Protein backbone atom coordinates (compact mmCIF):
# COMPACT_ATOMS: atom_id res chain seq x y z
CA UNK A 1 238.79 107.12 -38.34
CA UNK A 2 242.11 108.56 -39.48
CA UNK A 3 241.42 107.88 -43.15
CA UNK A 4 237.85 109.10 -42.85
CA UNK A 5 238.95 112.39 -41.30
CA UNK A 6 241.52 112.89 -44.03
CA UNK A 7 238.69 112.58 -46.53
CA UNK A 8 236.94 115.53 -44.89
CA UNK A 9 239.34 117.91 -46.58
CA UNK A 10 238.32 116.56 -49.99
CA UNK A 11 234.56 117.00 -49.72
CA UNK A 12 232.17 119.91 -49.47
CA UNK A 13 231.75 120.71 -45.76
CA UNK A 14 229.47 123.67 -46.34
CA UNK A 15 226.53 121.45 -47.28
CA UNK A 16 225.55 117.81 -47.62
CA UNK A 17 224.29 117.80 -51.21
CA UNK A 18 227.56 116.55 -52.74
CA UNK A 19 228.30 113.90 -50.13
CA UNK A 20 227.90 110.13 -50.53
CA UNK A 21 224.76 108.26 -49.42
CA UNK A 22 223.65 108.21 -45.78
CA UNK A 23 225.25 104.83 -45.08
CA UNK A 24 228.72 105.92 -46.16
CA UNK A 25 231.28 106.27 -43.31
CA UNK A 26 232.63 109.37 -45.04
CA UNK A 27 229.16 110.91 -45.06
CA UNK A 28 228.65 110.16 -41.38
CA UNK A 29 231.98 111.68 -40.40
CA UNK A 30 231.41 114.73 -42.58
CA UNK A 31 228.03 115.21 -40.95
CA UNK A 32 229.62 114.86 -37.52
CA UNK A 33 232.19 117.49 -38.47
CA UNK A 34 229.45 119.88 -39.59
CA UNK A 35 227.60 119.31 -36.31
CA UNK A 36 230.83 120.08 -34.45
CA UNK A 37 231.24 123.28 -36.47
CA UNK A 38 227.71 124.29 -35.52
CA UNK A 39 228.62 124.01 -31.83
CA UNK A 40 231.70 126.17 -32.26
CA UNK A 41 229.69 128.70 -34.26
CA UNK A 42 227.10 128.80 -31.47
CA UNK A 43 229.91 129.52 -28.97
CA UNK A 44 231.08 132.43 -31.12
CA UNK A 45 227.54 133.83 -31.16
CA UNK A 46 227.23 133.53 -27.37
CA UNK A 47 230.47 135.39 -26.67
CA UNK A 48 229.84 137.96 -29.40
CA UNK A 49 226.43 138.73 -27.90
CA UNK A 50 227.96 139.24 -24.46
CA UNK A 51 230.51 141.65 -25.90
CA UNK A 52 227.89 143.57 -27.87
CA UNK A 53 225.75 143.95 -24.75
CA UNK A 54 228.79 145.27 -22.84
CA UNK A 55 229.51 147.77 -25.59
CA UNK A 56 225.91 148.97 -25.63
CA UNK A 57 225.88 149.31 -21.83
CA UNK A 58 228.97 151.53 -21.94
CA UNK A 59 227.38 153.64 -24.66
CA UNK A 60 224.24 154.20 -22.55
CA UNK A 61 226.02 154.77 -19.20
CA UNK A 62 229.19 156.57 -20.24
CA UNK A 63 228.55 157.73 -23.82
CA UNK A 64 231.57 155.72 -24.85
CA UNK A 65 232.27 152.41 -26.64
CA UNK A 66 235.30 150.39 -25.51
CA UNK A 67 234.97 148.11 -28.56
CA UNK A 68 235.72 149.48 -31.99
CA UNK A 69 234.61 146.31 -33.80
CA UNK A 70 234.46 142.52 -33.50
CA UNK A 71 235.61 139.90 -35.99
CA UNK A 72 235.12 136.13 -35.82
CA UNK A 73 236.16 133.00 -37.69
CA UNK A 74 235.90 129.21 -37.65
CA UNK A 75 238.94 127.14 -38.52
CA UNK A 76 238.46 125.18 -41.73
CA UNK A 77 238.77 121.40 -41.96
CA UNK A 78 242.06 121.83 -43.82
CA UNK A 79 243.47 124.10 -41.11
CA UNK A 80 242.35 121.78 -38.29
CA UNK A 81 243.79 118.67 -39.92
CA UNK A 82 247.00 120.55 -40.73
CA UNK A 83 247.41 121.60 -37.10
CA UNK A 84 246.88 118.04 -35.87
CA UNK A 85 249.41 116.76 -38.39
CA UNK A 86 251.96 119.45 -37.45
CA UNK A 87 251.71 118.46 -33.78
CA UNK A 88 251.79 114.73 -34.61
CA UNK A 89 248.42 114.27 -32.94
CA UNK A 90 245.84 111.60 -33.83
CA UNK A 91 243.43 112.55 -36.61
CA UNK A 92 240.19 112.01 -34.72
CA UNK A 93 237.28 114.06 -33.43
CA UNK A 94 238.38 113.33 -29.87
CA UNK A 95 241.84 114.66 -30.67
CA UNK A 96 240.34 117.81 -32.18
CA UNK A 97 238.22 118.49 -29.11
CA UNK A 98 241.03 117.74 -26.65
CA UNK A 99 243.91 119.53 -28.36
CA UNK A 100 242.68 122.39 -30.54
CA UNK A 101 241.21 125.21 -28.49
CA UNK A 102 241.13 127.92 -31.16
CA UNK A 103 238.66 126.46 -33.66
CA UNK A 104 236.23 129.19 -32.63
CA UNK A 105 238.00 132.53 -32.71
CA UNK A 106 236.94 136.08 -31.92
CA UNK A 107 239.05 139.18 -32.40
CA UNK A 108 238.03 142.24 -30.42
CA UNK A 109 239.48 145.54 -31.60
CA UNK A 110 239.51 148.24 -28.93
CA UNK A 111 240.18 151.95 -28.98
CA UNK A 112 242.61 152.08 -26.05
CA UNK A 113 244.84 149.73 -24.05
CA UNK A 114 242.73 150.13 -20.88
CA UNK A 115 239.69 148.89 -22.81
CA UNK A 116 241.42 145.56 -23.39
CA UNK A 117 241.66 144.85 -19.68
CA UNK A 118 238.12 146.09 -19.06
CA UNK A 119 236.89 143.42 -21.46
CA UNK A 120 239.10 140.78 -19.84
CA UNK A 121 237.62 141.65 -16.42
CA UNK A 122 234.09 141.62 -17.83
CA UNK A 123 234.52 138.12 -19.26
CA UNK A 124 236.12 136.80 -16.06
CA UNK A 125 233.09 137.96 -14.03
CA UNK A 126 230.53 136.15 -16.20
CA UNK A 127 228.93 133.28 -14.24
CA UNK A 128 228.76 130.94 -17.22
CA UNK A 129 232.26 131.68 -18.54
CA UNK A 130 235.31 129.75 -17.40
CA UNK A 131 238.72 131.21 -18.19
CA UNK A 132 241.08 128.41 -19.23
CA UNK A 133 244.20 130.32 -20.22
CA UNK A 134 245.45 133.89 -20.62
CA UNK A 135 248.54 134.92 -22.55
CA UNK A 136 249.37 138.61 -22.31
CA UNK A 137 251.48 139.60 -25.28
CA UNK A 138 250.92 143.27 -24.44
CA UNK A 139 252.86 143.25 -21.19
CA UNK A 140 255.25 140.66 -22.62
CA UNK A 141 255.33 141.10 -26.44
CA UNK A 142 256.54 138.36 -28.74
CA UNK A 143 260.08 138.68 -30.05
CA UNK A 144 258.86 140.03 -33.39
CA UNK A 145 256.91 142.82 -31.68
CA UNK A 146 253.45 141.21 -31.77
CA UNK A 147 251.12 142.56 -29.08
CA UNK A 148 247.69 141.26 -28.13
CA UNK A 149 245.84 139.70 -25.19
CA UNK A 150 244.86 136.08 -25.86
CA UNK A 151 242.18 134.42 -23.76
CA UNK A 152 240.95 130.85 -24.06
CA UNK A 153 237.61 130.47 -22.32
CA UNK A 154 234.85 127.90 -22.10
CA UNK A 155 231.13 128.59 -22.44
CA UNK A 156 228.13 126.22 -22.20
CA UNK A 157 226.01 125.67 -25.30
CA UNK A 158 222.53 124.43 -24.42
CA UNK A 159 221.12 121.95 -26.93
CA UNK A 160 217.78 120.17 -27.01
CA UNK A 161 219.10 117.07 -25.21
CA UNK A 162 222.41 118.09 -23.62
CA UNK A 163 224.83 120.86 -22.73
CA UNK A 164 228.23 121.13 -24.40
CA UNK A 165 231.13 123.13 -22.96
CA UNK A 166 232.87 124.79 -25.90
CA UNK A 167 236.23 126.59 -25.98
CA UNK A 168 236.65 129.94 -27.70
CA UNK A 169 239.85 131.87 -28.31
CA UNK A 170 239.54 135.63 -27.94
CA UNK A 171 242.26 138.00 -29.14
CA UNK A 172 241.88 141.53 -27.79
CA UNK A 173 244.00 144.35 -29.16
CA UNK A 174 243.93 148.03 -30.03
CA UNK A 175 243.39 149.42 -33.51
CA UNK A 176 247.12 150.16 -33.73
CA UNK A 177 248.10 146.65 -32.62
CA UNK A 178 245.72 145.15 -35.16
CA UNK A 179 247.12 147.38 -37.91
CA UNK A 180 250.66 146.16 -37.14
CA UNK A 181 249.65 142.49 -36.86
CA UNK A 182 247.71 142.56 -40.15
CA UNK A 183 250.59 144.08 -42.10
CA UNK A 184 253.19 141.83 -40.45
CA UNK A 185 251.10 138.78 -41.39
CA UNK A 186 250.80 140.05 -44.97
CA UNK A 187 254.56 140.59 -45.24
CA UNK A 188 255.27 137.10 -43.90
CA UNK A 189 252.85 135.64 -46.45
CA UNK A 190 254.38 137.60 -49.33
CA UNK A 191 257.90 136.50 -48.34
CA UNK A 192 256.75 132.90 -47.75
CA UNK A 193 257.54 133.22 -44.05
CA UNK A 194 261.15 134.16 -44.78
CA UNK A 195 261.33 137.84 -43.86
CA UNK A 196 264.94 139.15 -44.00
CA UNK A 197 266.49 139.98 -40.63
CA UNK A 198 266.82 143.70 -41.35
CA UNK A 199 263.10 143.88 -42.13
CA UNK A 200 262.28 141.96 -38.95
CA UNK A 201 264.19 144.60 -37.00
CA UNK A 202 262.28 147.37 -38.74
CA UNK A 203 258.98 145.64 -37.94
CA UNK A 204 259.99 145.40 -34.28
CA UNK A 205 260.83 149.10 -34.29
CA UNK A 206 257.43 149.85 -35.83
CA UNK A 207 255.80 147.88 -33.03
CA UNK A 208 257.62 150.00 -30.44
CA UNK A 209 256.49 153.19 -32.18
CA UNK A 210 252.89 151.97 -32.28
CA UNK A 211 253.02 151.13 -28.57
CA UNK A 212 254.16 154.67 -27.75
CA UNK A 213 251.34 155.99 -29.92
CA UNK A 214 248.80 153.80 -28.09
CA UNK A 215 250.06 155.03 -24.72
CA UNK A 216 249.98 158.69 -25.78
CA UNK A 217 246.49 158.44 -27.26
CA UNK A 218 245.26 156.84 -24.05
CA UNK A 219 246.75 159.70 -21.98
CA UNK A 220 245.04 162.23 -24.24
CA UNK A 221 241.76 160.32 -23.91
CA UNK A 222 242.01 160.44 -20.11
CA UNK A 223 242.77 164.17 -20.17
CA UNK A 224 239.74 164.87 -22.34
CA UNK A 225 237.46 162.79 -20.09
CA UNK A 226 238.55 164.16 -16.71
């Protein structure tokens, strides 16, 4: 299984046309990986639909949208295998399912800080959603200044012959937080993850400035909507 999973990174996982014949172990494992991706993609669709319905409800009831926009992504085979290798975990489908909870990812960009916690509360109250883990990097930012609310949840995916419980990671942040995180990620990439200390300090200062901006904009929003 380990060798077969390693081969997944060398073949076309977006379609089956270039894979070996049906009896090949590599083909079977590639097909299994694609089926697994389909389940994670279905989980993204389920959560995205819930969030879109919430946003539409707020628009109708309050003439206001708490969600600015939604982004989603599926981890690639290369990224999944790299994460398993980095953690010295077995390279198997079972290991993927047991240890990697962020294969399906959704990023929710909100207008204001309060909107973030409204969405968290909405998800927690859904009958078919189970919250597995919450990490609040807004109330307790990372050392570099990163701010966001991370939620790992589980949602059932109903198939023709069974139900699968699939994890999804949701990152919820404001427009300002997302702006900072995107640029910080770009700078780390450009410097090959070796950002000089003086620039790290400037990035942290920028994060503090953005936080004050978020708080002030939220106060203005509340004043306008009294």
